N, C-alpha and C. Protein backbone atom coordinates (compact mmCIF):
# COMPACT_ATOMS: atom_id res chain seq x y z
N UNK A 1 -2.18 14.63 -0.50
CA UNK A 1 -3.13 14.03 -1.50
C UNK A 1 -4.39 15.17 -2.02
N UNK A 2 -4.63 15.64 -2.87
CA UNK A 2 -5.76 16.52 -3.58
C UNK A 2 -6.88 16.02 -3.57
N UNK A 3 -7.92 16.90 -3.19
CA UNK A 3 -9.29 15.97 -2.68
C UNK A 3 -10.29 15.71 -4.15
N UNK A 4 -9.97 14.08 -4.76
CA UNK A 4 -10.24 13.85 -5.54
C UNK A 4 -10.90 12.62 -4.87
N UNK A 5 -12.37 12.51 -5.70
CA UNK A 5 -12.93 11.37 -5.09
C UNK A 5 -12.38 9.86 -5.64
N UNK A 6 -11.82 9.34 -5.07
CA UNK A 6 -11.07 8.03 -5.31
C UNK A 6 -12.01 6.61 -5.56
N UNK A 7 -13.18 6.97 -5.03
CA UNK A 7 -14.09 6.18 -5.52
C UNK A 7 -14.63 6.45 -6.66
N UNK A 8 -14.85 7.51 -7.17
CA UNK A 8 -15.83 7.68 -8.32
C UNK A 8 -14.22 6.93 -9.47
N UNK A 9 -13.23 7.45 -9.08
CA UNK A 9 -11.98 6.54 -10.17
C UNK A 9 -12.06 5.19 -10.12
N UNK A 10 -12.16 4.58 -8.82
CA UNK A 10 -12.35 2.91 -8.87
C UNK A 10 -13.12 2.87 -9.30
N UNK A 11 -14.80 3.22 -9.42
CA UNK A 11 -15.72 2.91 -10.09
C UNK A 11 -15.27 2.96 -11.70
N UNK A 12 -14.93 3.96 -12.25
CA UNK A 12 -14.30 4.08 -13.67
C UNK A 12 -13.51 3.26 -14.40
N UNK A 13 -12.45 2.93 -13.17
CA UNK A 13 -11.41 1.75 -13.42
C UNK A 13 -11.93 0.02 -13.51
N UNK A 14 -12.60 0.00 -12.52
CA UNK A 14 -13.59 -1.19 -12.44
C UNK A 14 -14.74 -1.17 -13.93
N UNK A 15 -15.27 -0.38 -13.77
CA UNK A 15 -15.82 -0.39 -15.29
C UNK A 15 -15.37 -0.34 -16.80
N UNK A 16 -14.32 -0.06 -17.07
CA UNK A 16 -13.20 0.10 -17.59
C UNK A 16 -12.70 -1.50 -17.95
N UNK A 17 -12.38 -1.98 -17.02
CA UNK A 17 -11.72 -3.20 -16.79
C UNK A 17 -13.20 -4.41 -17.19
N UNK A 18 -14.03 -4.36 -16.58
CA UNK A 18 -14.82 -4.72 -17.31
C UNK A 18 -15.47 -5.09 -18.13
N UNK A 19 -15.67 -3.57 -18.91
CA UNK A 19 -15.95 -3.60 -20.56
C UNK A 19 -15.19 -3.85 -21.35
N UNK A 20 -13.55 -4.53 -20.64
CA UNK A 20 -12.73 -4.84 -21.46
C UNK A 20 -12.59 -6.68 -21.24
N UNK A 21 -13.19 -7.16 -20.72
CA UNK A 21 -13.46 -8.86 -20.55
C UNK A 21 -12.19 -8.91 -19.58
N UNK A 22 -11.84 -8.14 -18.61
CA UNK A 22 -10.82 -8.91 -17.70
C UNK A 22 -11.45 -9.29 -16.04
N UNK A 23 -13.05 -9.07 -16.09
CA UNK A 23 -13.39 -10.03 -14.81
C UNK A 23 -14.62 -10.80 -15.90
N UNK A 24 -14.18 -11.22 -16.85
CA UNK A 24 -15.16 -12.14 -17.27
C UNK A 24 -14.73 -13.96 -16.74
N UNK A 25 -14.16 -13.76 -15.78
CA UNK A 25 -14.03 -14.61 -15.19
C UNK A 25 -13.06 -14.59 -13.59
N UNK A 26 -14.00 -15.27 -12.67
CA UNK A 26 -13.27 -14.92 -11.36
C UNK A 26 -11.51 -15.60 -10.92
N UNK A 27 -10.66 -14.40 -10.41
CA UNK A 27 -9.61 -14.91 -10.23
C UNK A 27 -9.70 -14.13 -8.97
N UNK A 28 -8.20 -14.76 -8.39
CA UNK A 28 -8.20 -14.48 -7.25
C UNK A 28 -7.27 -13.14 -6.70
N UNK A 29 -7.47 -13.15 -5.51
CA UNK A 29 -6.87 -11.27 -5.23
C UNK A 29 -5.07 -11.47 -5.70
N UNK A 30 -4.58 -12.66 -5.47
CA UNK A 30 -2.96 -12.76 -5.59
C UNK A 30 -2.88 -12.67 -7.26
N UNK A 31 -3.47 -13.05 -7.94
CA UNK A 31 -3.85 -12.94 -9.62
C UNK A 31 -3.70 -11.59 -9.62
N UNK A 32 -4.59 -10.74 -8.80
CA UNK A 32 -4.47 -8.82 -9.36
C UNK A 32 -3.46 -8.68 -8.80
N UNK A 33 -3.00 -8.47 -7.31
CA UNK A 33 -2.06 -8.32 -6.88
C UNK A 33 -0.20 -8.43 -7.86
N UNK A 34 -0.27 -9.38 -8.19
CA UNK A 34 0.56 -9.76 -9.05
C UNK A 34 0.95 -8.97 -10.39
N UNK A 35 -0.13 -8.57 -10.90
CA UNK A 35 -0.61 -7.91 -11.85
C UNK A 35 0.05 -6.47 -11.63
N UNK A 36 -0.05 -5.64 -10.43
CA UNK A 36 0.22 -4.75 -9.46
C UNK A 36 1.89 -4.74 -9.66
N UNK A 37 2.26 -5.77 -9.34
CA UNK A 37 3.80 -5.94 -9.04
C UNK A 37 4.40 -5.83 -10.43
N UNK A 38 3.90 -6.61 -11.33
CA UNK A 38 4.37 -6.40 -12.78
C UNK A 38 4.53 -4.84 -13.33
N UNK A 39 3.11 -3.89 -13.07
CA UNK A 39 3.06 -2.70 -13.33
C UNK A 39 4.64 -1.80 -12.23
N UNK A 40 5.00 -2.31 -11.26
CA UNK A 40 5.69 -1.62 -10.70
C UNK A 40 7.30 -1.88 -11.00
N UNK A 41 6.85 -3.30 -11.78
CA UNK A 41 8.43 -3.68 -12.52
C UNK A 41 8.66 -2.58 -13.39
N UNK A 42 7.67 -2.11 -14.25
CA UNK A 42 7.41 -1.97 -15.76
C UNK A 42 7.96 -0.17 -15.06
N UNK A 43 7.39 0.13 -13.91
CA UNK A 43 8.18 1.49 -13.58
C UNK A 43 9.17 1.56 -13.36
N UNK A 44 10.41 0.63 -12.82
CA UNK A 44 11.15 0.58 -12.94
C UNK A 44 12.41 0.43 -14.04
N UNK A 45 11.85 -0.27 -15.02
CA UNK A 45 12.02 0.01 -16.24
C UNK A 45 12.01 1.08 -17.07
N UNK A 46 10.77 1.94 -16.91
CA UNK A 46 10.56 3.08 -17.54
C UNK A 46 12.03 4.04 -16.71
N UNK A 47 11.79 3.93 -15.73
CA UNK A 47 12.96 4.75 -14.87
C UNK A 47 14.67 4.48 -15.54
N UNK A 48 14.86 2.97 -15.70
CA UNK A 48 16.20 2.59 -16.32
C UNK A 48 16.12 3.31 -17.01
N UNK A 49 15.46 2.96 -18.25
CA UNK A 49 15.23 4.04 -19.32
C UNK A 49 15.37 5.65 -19.58
N UNK A 50 15.05 6.24 -18.42
CA UNK A 50 15.05 7.63 -18.35
C UNK A 50 13.89 8.10 -18.84
N UNK A 51 13.10 7.24 -19.48
CA UNK A 51 11.91 7.33 -19.98
C UNK A 51 10.77 8.59 -18.90
N UNK A 52 10.23 9.17 -19.85
CA UNK A 52 9.11 10.11 -19.19
C UNK A 52 8.63 10.87 -19.92
N UNK A 53 7.31 11.24 -19.48
CA UNK A 53 6.75 11.39 -20.26
C UNK A 53 6.62 13.03 -20.87
N UNK A 54 6.38 13.39 -21.72
CA UNK A 54 6.70 15.11 -22.51
C UNK A 54 5.33 15.53 -22.43
N UNK A 55 4.47 16.03 -21.61
CA UNK A 55 3.24 16.28 -21.16
C UNK A 55 2.99 17.58 -21.91
N UNK A 56 4.19 18.70 -22.09
CA UNK A 56 3.89 19.82 -22.80
C UNK A 56 3.41 19.55 -24.00
N UNK A 57 4.21 18.62 -25.02
CA UNK A 57 4.00 18.16 -26.22
C UNK A 57 2.57 17.34 -26.14
N UNK A 58 2.32 16.54 -25.03
CA UNK A 58 1.00 15.98 -25.45
C UNK A 58 -0.39 16.62 -25.63
N UNK A 59 -0.03 17.71 -24.06
CA UNK A 59 -1.09 18.77 -24.05
C UNK A 59 -1.24 19.97 -25.65
N UNK A 60 -0.15 20.06 -25.79
CA UNK A 60 -0.09 20.88 -27.21
C UNK A 60 -0.90 20.08 -28.45
N UNK A 61 -0.39 19.08 -28.57
CA UNK A 61 -0.89 18.27 -29.79
C UNK A 61 -2.33 17.96 -29.41
N UNK A 62 -2.64 18.13 -28.24
CA UNK A 62 -4.18 17.60 -28.14
C UNK A 62 -4.93 19.11 -28.31
N UNK A 63 -4.42 20.11 -27.94
CA UNK A 63 -4.91 21.25 -28.37
C UNK A 63 -5.46 21.48 -29.83
N UNK A 64 -3.98 21.30 -30.54
CA UNK A 64 -4.28 21.29 -31.75
C UNK A 64 -5.41 20.11 -32.44
N UNK A 65 -5.37 19.01 -31.95
CA UNK A 65 -6.36 17.93 -32.23
C UNK A 65 -7.64 18.06 -32.28
N UNK A 66 -8.01 18.93 -30.50
CA UNK A 66 -9.75 19.73 -30.53
C UNK A 66 -9.35 20.82 -31.12
N UNK A 67 -8.39 21.77 -31.88
CA UNK A 67 -9.42 22.82 -32.58
C UNK A 67 -9.37 22.02 -33.88
N UNK A 68 -8.92 21.06 -34.51
CA UNK A 68 -8.98 20.49 -35.95
C UNK A 68 -10.33 19.60 -36.34
N UNK A 69 -10.52 19.03 -35.14
CA UNK A 69 -11.36 17.44 -35.33
C UNK A 69 -12.38 18.07 -34.28
N UNK A 70 -13.07 18.94 -33.69
CA UNK A 70 -13.92 19.40 -32.75
C UNK A 70 -15.18 18.45 -33.07
N UNK A 71 -15.33 18.36 -34.26
CA UNK A 71 -16.96 17.77 -34.36
C UNK A 71 -16.49 16.04 -34.88
N UNK A 72 -15.31 15.38 -35.28
CA UNK A 72 -14.94 14.22 -35.53
C UNK A 72 -14.50 13.14 -34.44
N UNK A 73 -15.31 12.84 -33.23
CA UNK A 73 -14.97 12.04 -32.67
C UNK A 73 -14.17 11.18 -32.86
N UNK A 74 -14.48 10.23 -33.78
CA UNK A 74 -13.20 9.07 -34.32
C UNK A 74 -11.83 9.51 -34.62
N UNK A 75 -11.86 10.73 -35.36
CA UNK A 75 -10.55 11.05 -35.96
C UNK A 75 -9.89 11.98 -34.63
N UNK A 76 -10.32 12.53 -33.07
CA UNK A 76 -9.90 12.82 -32.40
C UNK A 76 -9.58 11.75 -31.60
N UNK A 77 -10.25 10.72 -31.52
CA UNK A 77 -9.74 9.82 -30.69
C UNK A 77 -8.48 9.15 -31.17
N UNK A 78 -8.43 8.65 -32.61
CA UNK A 78 -7.32 8.02 -33.26
C UNK A 78 -5.96 8.62 -32.90
N UNK A 79 -6.37 10.83 -32.66
CA UNK A 79 -4.95 11.13 -32.55
C UNK A 79 -4.83 11.49 -31.25
N UNK A 80 -5.80 11.32 -30.19
CA UNK A 80 -5.32 11.18 -28.83
C UNK A 80 -4.35 9.85 -28.65
N UNK A 81 -5.05 8.56 -29.10
CA UNK A 81 -4.48 7.38 -29.09
C UNK A 81 -2.68 7.54 -29.56
N UNK A 82 -2.26 8.18 -30.73
CA UNK A 82 -1.03 8.23 -31.34
C UNK A 82 -0.45 8.76 -30.83
N UNK A 83 -1.21 10.03 -29.80
CA UNK A 83 -0.11 11.27 -29.19
C UNK A 83 0.01 10.58 -28.05
N UNK A 84 -0.72 9.97 -27.49
CA UNK A 84 -0.75 9.41 -26.08
C UNK A 84 0.52 8.47 -26.42
N UNK A 85 0.11 7.37 -27.50
CA UNK A 85 1.10 6.70 -27.74
C UNK A 85 3.16 7.08 -27.86
N UNK A 86 3.13 8.13 -28.13
CA UNK A 86 4.17 8.60 -28.50
C UNK A 86 4.79 9.74 -27.61
N UNK A 87 4.16 10.29 -26.78
CA UNK A 87 4.32 11.26 -25.86
C UNK A 87 4.36 10.69 -24.55
N UNK A 88 3.18 9.74 -24.04
CA UNK A 88 3.03 9.25 -22.85
C UNK A 88 3.50 7.98 -22.57
N UNK A 89 2.73 6.79 -23.60
CA UNK A 89 2.78 5.63 -23.26
C UNK A 89 4.58 4.80 -22.60
N UNK A 90 4.39 4.04 -21.57
CA UNK A 90 5.35 3.03 -21.54
C UNK A 90 6.46 4.32 -20.73
N UNK A 91 5.92 5.36 -20.18
CA UNK A 91 6.53 6.37 -19.42
C UNK A 91 6.71 5.63 -17.78
N UNK A 92 7.80 6.74 -17.02
CA UNK A 92 7.59 6.32 -15.53
C UNK A 92 6.28 6.90 -15.12
N UNK A 93 5.47 8.11 -15.48
CA UNK A 93 4.41 8.59 -15.32
C UNK A 93 3.02 7.48 -15.88
N UNK A 94 3.17 7.05 -16.70
CA UNK A 94 2.09 6.31 -17.21
C UNK A 94 2.48 4.96 -16.64
N UNK A 95 3.24 4.47 -15.87
CA UNK A 95 3.28 3.39 -15.05
C UNK A 95 3.05 3.00 -13.71
N UNK A 96 3.29 4.22 -13.25
CA UNK A 96 2.87 4.72 -11.99
C UNK A 96 1.18 4.84 -12.08
N UNK A 97 0.50 5.55 -13.10
CA UNK A 97 -0.57 5.52 -12.92
C UNK A 97 -1.39 3.98 -13.29
N UNK A 98 -0.80 3.35 -14.05
CA UNK A 98 -1.29 1.88 -14.60
C UNK A 98 -1.04 1.07 -12.78
N UNK A 99 0.01 1.38 -11.92
CA UNK A 99 -0.25 0.97 -10.65
C UNK A 99 -1.49 0.97 -10.13
N UNK A 100 -1.35 2.33 -9.98
CA UNK A 100 -2.93 2.94 -9.43
C UNK A 100 -4.15 2.39 -10.32
N UNK A 101 -4.47 2.28 -11.46
CA UNK A 101 -5.57 2.06 -11.91
C UNK A 101 -5.87 0.13 -11.61
N UNK A 102 -4.29 -0.55 -11.91
CA UNK A 102 -5.05 -2.04 -11.16
C UNK A 102 -5.41 -1.90 -9.54
N UNK A 103 -4.66 -0.99 -8.68
CA UNK A 103 -5.23 -1.15 -7.79
C UNK A 103 -6.89 -0.46 -7.18
N UNK A 104 -7.21 0.36 -8.57
CA UNK A 104 -8.47 0.78 -8.20
C UNK A 104 -9.49 -0.15 -8.70
N UNK A 105 -8.79 -0.92 -9.83
CA UNK A 105 -9.68 -1.88 -10.67
C UNK A 105 -10.01 -3.11 -8.99
N UNK A 106 -9.42 -3.81 -8.53
CA UNK A 106 -8.98 -4.39 -7.68
C UNK A 106 -9.94 -4.45 -6.30
N UNK A 107 -10.13 -2.89 -6.32
CA UNK A 107 -10.89 -1.97 -5.08
C UNK A 107 -12.23 -1.96 -5.65
N UNK A 108 -12.54 -2.04 -7.10
CA UNK A 108 -14.16 -1.82 -7.40
C UNK A 108 -14.65 -3.17 -7.64
N UNK A 109 -13.51 -4.46 -8.05
CA UNK A 109 -13.69 -5.96 -7.88
C UNK A 109 -14.20 -5.81 -6.18
N UNK A 110 -13.76 -6.02 -5.29
CA UNK A 110 -13.93 -6.32 -4.15
C UNK A 110 -14.65 -5.53 -3.64
N UNK A 111 -15.39 -4.32 -4.29
CA UNK A 111 -16.25 -3.30 -3.52
C UNK A 111 -15.66 -3.28 -2.45
N UNK A 112 -14.16 -1.89 -2.08
CA UNK A 112 -13.71 -1.82 -1.17
C UNK A 112 -14.16 -0.17 -1.25
N UNK A 113 -13.93 0.25 -0.43
CA UNK A 113 -14.23 1.65 0.07
C UNK A 113 -13.04 2.43 0.19
N UNK A 114 -12.68 3.49 -0.72
CA UNK A 114 -11.20 4.43 -0.64
C UNK A 114 -11.90 5.46 -0.01
N UNK A 115 -12.02 6.08 0.69
CA UNK A 115 -12.51 7.93 1.11
C UNK A 115 -11.35 8.07 1.66
N UNK A 116 -11.08 8.84 0.97
CA UNK A 116 -9.85 9.65 0.72
C UNK A 116 -9.09 9.80 2.46
N UNK A 117 -10.07 10.04 3.25
CA UNK A 117 -9.83 10.51 4.41
C UNK A 117 -9.25 9.16 5.24
N UNK A 118 -9.28 7.83 4.52
CA UNK A 118 -8.54 7.01 5.27
C UNK A 118 -7.52 6.46 4.47
N UNK A 119 -6.56 7.08 3.60
CA UNK A 119 -5.46 6.82 2.87
C UNK A 119 -4.36 7.89 3.94
N UNK A 120 -3.47 6.97 4.26
CA UNK A 120 -2.40 7.23 5.23
C UNK A 120 -1.54 8.04 4.51
N UNK A 121 -0.51 9.05 5.30
CA UNK A 121 0.63 9.21 4.69
C UNK A 121 1.69 8.28 5.07
N UNK A 122 2.40 8.13 3.94
CA UNK A 122 3.55 6.65 4.29
C UNK A 122 4.78 7.57 3.96
N UNK A 123 5.43 8.34 5.20
CA UNK A 123 6.49 8.67 5.11
C UNK A 123 7.55 7.67 4.90
N UNK A 124 7.58 6.51 4.90
CA UNK A 124 8.52 5.45 5.20
C UNK A 124 8.84 4.79 3.86
N UNK A 125 8.21 5.28 2.49
CA UNK A 125 7.71 4.52 1.49
C UNK A 125 8.31 5.78 0.21
N UNK A 126 9.17 6.64 0.69
CA UNK A 126 9.29 7.88 -0.09
C UNK A 126 11.01 8.08 -0.77
N UNK A 127 11.22 6.86 -1.25
CA UNK A 127 12.86 6.18 -1.27
C UNK A 127 12.74 7.30 -2.74
N UNK A 128 13.80 8.55 -3.10
CA UNK A 128 14.25 9.02 -4.03
C UNK A 128 14.80 8.16 -4.78
N UNK A 129 15.14 6.36 -4.73
CA UNK A 129 15.55 6.21 -5.97
C UNK A 129 14.42 5.12 -6.24
N UNK A 130 13.85 4.84 -7.26
CA UNK A 130 13.09 4.16 -8.01
C UNK A 130 12.94 2.58 -7.43
N UNK A 131 13.96 1.95 -7.88
CA UNK A 131 14.06 0.47 -7.16
C UNK A 131 13.70 0.53 -5.90
N UNK A 132 14.24 1.15 -5.07
CA UNK A 132 14.08 1.05 -3.42
C UNK A 132 12.33 1.25 -3.29
N UNK A 133 12.10 2.54 -3.71
CA UNK A 133 11.01 2.65 -3.53
C UNK A 133 10.05 1.47 -4.05
N UNK A 134 10.27 1.20 -5.18
CA UNK A 134 9.38 -0.34 -5.99
C UNK A 134 9.51 -1.84 -4.89
N UNK A 135 10.57 -1.58 -4.42
CA UNK A 135 11.05 -2.82 -3.68
C UNK A 135 9.96 -2.88 -2.30
N UNK A 136 10.33 -1.27 -1.97
CA UNK A 136 9.50 -1.60 -0.28
C UNK A 136 7.80 -1.35 -0.81
N UNK A 137 7.47 -0.87 -1.93
CA UNK A 137 5.92 -1.10 -2.33
C UNK A 137 5.75 -2.76 -2.65
N UNK A 138 6.47 -3.33 -3.05
CA UNK A 138 6.13 -4.75 -3.38
C UNK A 138 6.23 -5.68 -2.10
N UNK A 139 7.37 -5.13 -0.98
CA UNK A 139 7.07 -5.96 -0.07
C UNK A 139 6.10 -5.97 0.57
N UNK A 140 5.21 -4.40 1.01
CA UNK A 140 3.93 -4.60 1.67
C UNK A 140 2.76 -5.50 0.79
N UNK A 141 2.67 -5.65 -0.50
CA UNK A 141 2.10 -6.55 -1.03
C UNK A 141 2.04 -8.21 -0.41
N UNK A 142 3.64 -8.32 -0.36
CA UNK A 142 3.43 -9.77 0.42
C UNK A 142 3.45 -9.75 1.99
N UNK A 143 3.14 -8.68 2.69
CA UNK A 143 2.72 -8.57 3.99
C UNK A 143 1.55 -9.63 3.95
N UNK A 144 1.58 -10.76 4.55
CA UNK A 144 0.55 -12.08 4.41
C UNK A 144 -0.42 -11.59 5.74
N UNK A 145 -0.18 -10.51 6.73
CA UNK A 145 -0.80 -10.22 7.78
C UNK A 145 -1.87 -9.22 7.35
N UNK A 146 -1.47 -8.49 6.32
CA UNK A 146 -2.45 -7.29 5.37
C UNK A 146 -3.32 -7.72 5.27
N UNK A 147 -4.82 -7.03 5.56
CA UNK A 147 -5.93 -7.32 4.84
C UNK A 147 -5.76 -6.60 3.56
N UNK A 148 -6.60 -6.96 2.48
CA UNK A 148 -6.95 -6.26 1.07
C UNK A 148 -6.95 -5.20 0.94
N UNK A 149 -7.61 -4.86 1.61
CA UNK A 149 -8.41 -3.05 1.87
C UNK A 149 -7.00 -2.80 2.50
N UNK A 150 -6.39 -2.53 2.95
CA UNK A 150 -4.93 -2.08 4.16
C UNK A 150 -3.98 -2.10 2.64
N UNK A 151 -4.05 -3.13 2.06
CA UNK A 151 -2.75 -3.08 1.24
C UNK A 151 -3.20 -2.21 -0.02
N UNK A 152 -4.20 -2.17 -0.43
CA UNK A 152 -4.71 -1.26 -1.72
C UNK A 152 -4.43 0.27 -0.96
N UNK A 153 -5.21 0.37 0.03
CA UNK A 153 -5.17 2.01 0.71
C UNK A 153 -3.87 2.32 0.48
N UNK A 154 -2.68 1.18 1.47
CA UNK A 154 -1.59 1.92 1.55
C UNK A 154 -0.19 2.10 0.31
N UNK A 155 -0.75 1.29 -0.54
CA UNK A 155 -0.21 1.16 -1.87
C UNK A 155 -0.68 2.85 -2.81
N UNK A 156 -1.84 2.71 -2.69
CA UNK A 156 -2.32 4.03 -3.35
C UNK A 156 -1.81 5.17 -2.91
N UNK A 157 -1.61 4.97 -1.67
CA UNK A 157 -1.14 6.15 -0.91
C UNK A 157 0.18 6.38 -1.12
N UNK A 158 1.14 5.30 -1.14
CA UNK A 158 2.62 5.11 -1.45
C UNK A 158 2.87 6.05 -2.55
N UNK A 159 2.01 5.60 -3.74
CA UNK A 159 1.98 5.82 -5.05
C UNK A 159 1.71 7.41 -5.26
N UNK A 160 0.98 7.79 -4.66
CA UNK A 160 0.42 9.36 -4.79
C UNK A 160 1.65 10.20 -3.92
N UNK A 161 2.14 9.62 -2.72
CA UNK A 161 2.94 10.29 -2.32
C UNK A 161 4.55 10.10 -2.93
N UNK A 162 4.68 9.60 -3.50
CA UNK A 162 6.19 9.27 -4.14
C UNK A 162 5.93 10.13 -5.56
N UNK A 163 4.98 10.36 -6.60
CA UNK A 163 4.39 10.84 -7.34
C UNK A 163 4.35 12.15 -7.06
N UNK A 164 3.74 12.98 -5.77
CA UNK A 164 3.80 14.51 -5.66
C UNK A 164 5.59 14.88 -4.98
N UNK A 165 6.21 13.83 -4.21
CA UNK A 165 7.63 14.32 -4.15
C UNK A 165 8.22 14.18 -5.54
N UNK A 166 8.15 13.68 -6.39
CA UNK A 166 8.92 13.84 -8.10
C UNK A 166 8.44 14.53 -8.60
N UNK A 167 7.08 15.77 -8.53
CA UNK A 167 6.74 16.22 -9.34
C UNK A 167 5.73 15.72 -10.17
N UNK A 168 4.85 14.53 -9.79
CA UNK A 168 3.94 14.48 -11.03
C UNK A 168 3.04 14.45 -10.40
N UNK A 169 2.15 14.71 -11.47
CA UNK A 169 0.70 14.95 -11.49
C UNK A 169 -0.36 13.79 -11.33
N UNK A 170 0.00 12.68 -10.45
CA UNK A 170 -0.77 11.61 -11.02
C UNK A 170 -2.28 11.23 -11.30
N UNK A 171 -3.09 12.35 -10.92
CA UNK A 171 -4.73 12.30 -10.84
C UNK A 171 -4.77 12.45 -12.66
N UNK A 172 -3.96 13.52 -13.19
CA UNK A 172 -3.87 13.83 -14.70
C UNK A 172 -2.85 12.63 -15.33
N UNK A 173 -2.12 11.85 -15.33
CA UNK A 173 -1.97 10.71 -15.61
C UNK A 173 -3.02 9.56 -15.67
N UNK A 174 -3.46 9.40 -14.47
CA UNK A 174 -4.51 8.42 -14.52
C UNK A 174 -5.46 8.53 -15.39
N UNK A 175 -6.31 10.16 -15.73
CA UNK A 175 -7.10 10.52 -16.36
C UNK A 175 -6.54 10.29 -17.56
N UNK A 176 -5.74 10.77 -18.03
CA UNK A 176 -5.23 10.22 -19.78
C UNK A 176 -5.11 9.07 -19.73
N UNK A 177 -4.60 8.11 -18.98
CA UNK A 177 -4.01 6.47 -19.24
C UNK A 177 -5.57 5.68 -19.15
N UNK A 178 -6.89 6.00 -18.22
CA UNK A 178 -8.39 5.77 -18.33
C UNK A 178 -8.80 6.20 -19.71
N UNK A 179 -8.49 6.92 -20.19
CA UNK A 179 -8.86 7.41 -21.85
C UNK A 179 -8.54 6.75 -22.45
N UNK A 180 -7.03 6.78 -22.73
CA UNK A 180 -6.85 5.40 -23.69
C UNK A 180 -6.74 3.91 -23.24
N UNK A 181 -7.25 3.88 -22.06
CA UNK A 181 -7.25 2.23 -22.02
C UNK A 181 -9.08 1.83 -22.54
N UNK A 182 -10.15 2.84 -22.59
CA UNK A 182 -11.24 3.20 -22.70
C UNK A 182 -11.40 2.88 -24.64
N UNK A 183 -10.32 3.03 -25.07
CA UNK A 183 -10.05 3.12 -26.67
C UNK A 183 -9.58 2.12 -27.25
N UNK A 184 -9.14 0.85 -26.13
CA UNK A 184 -8.25 -0.62 -26.22
C UNK A 184 -8.84 -1.51 -26.51
N UNK A 185 -8.48 -2.50 -27.49
CA UNK A 185 -9.29 -3.52 -27.76
C UNK A 185 -9.25 -4.47 -26.62
N UNK A 186 -10.43 -5.16 -26.72
CA UNK A 186 -10.87 -6.39 -25.62
C UNK A 186 -9.49 -7.07 -24.62
N UNK A 187 -9.49 -7.11 -23.97
CA UNK A 187 -8.35 -7.45 -22.60
C UNK A 187 -7.07 -7.04 -23.29
N UNK A 188 -6.98 -5.54 -24.00
CA UNK A 188 -5.91 -5.05 -24.00
C UNK A 188 -4.86 -5.59 -25.22
N UNK A 189 -5.57 -6.71 -25.78
CA UNK A 189 -4.86 -7.58 -26.84
C UNK A 189 -4.22 -8.76 -25.94
N UNK A 190 -3.93 -8.98 -24.78
CA UNK A 190 -3.39 -9.49 -24.17
C UNK A 190 -4.35 -10.63 -23.20
N UNK A 191 -3.41 -12.19 -22.70
CA UNK A 191 -4.50 -13.41 -22.29
C UNK A 191 -4.85 -13.07 -21.09
N UNK A 192 -4.45 -11.86 -20.39
CA UNK A 192 -5.05 -11.83 -18.83
C UNK A 192 -4.31 -10.50 -18.57
């Protein structure tokens, strides 16, 4: 895993979630872990549909948008949202990023330190088969004797290692998804 400040990402994910109403009422760790499981299920569905991000087209479109709307932040943001929805959203990469963001948010809520040195490399959870990888990750969530901090750190490690093995720049996808999430309505238009 590259040297990126996971605590800064944690704080940003948590702030975005707070700003969008996701922490307006107290909810259990199990609630948030179930949302992580739903993201892993969305990874499997994106993989089943062979849906992958078109990063090249997205970056090319963003270059044009920046050149065209340099001083128009609303136009730039709207163009970003449309391009993201067309080229990135609901892809394997996007859903992996969503899963990490959910974990980062929970770490922020529970004030869990994510020092990168504490994240172990998990060679046991790098199956090339996405269903098996996600099943292994979900199985770890259900481990009753594991502490919440350990679950979060190990799962983040699983996800980054899987992304690295699959040639995915997960930090880049997390950054794009967080930017997209900042532009979404309260609760992202959902009940919870």
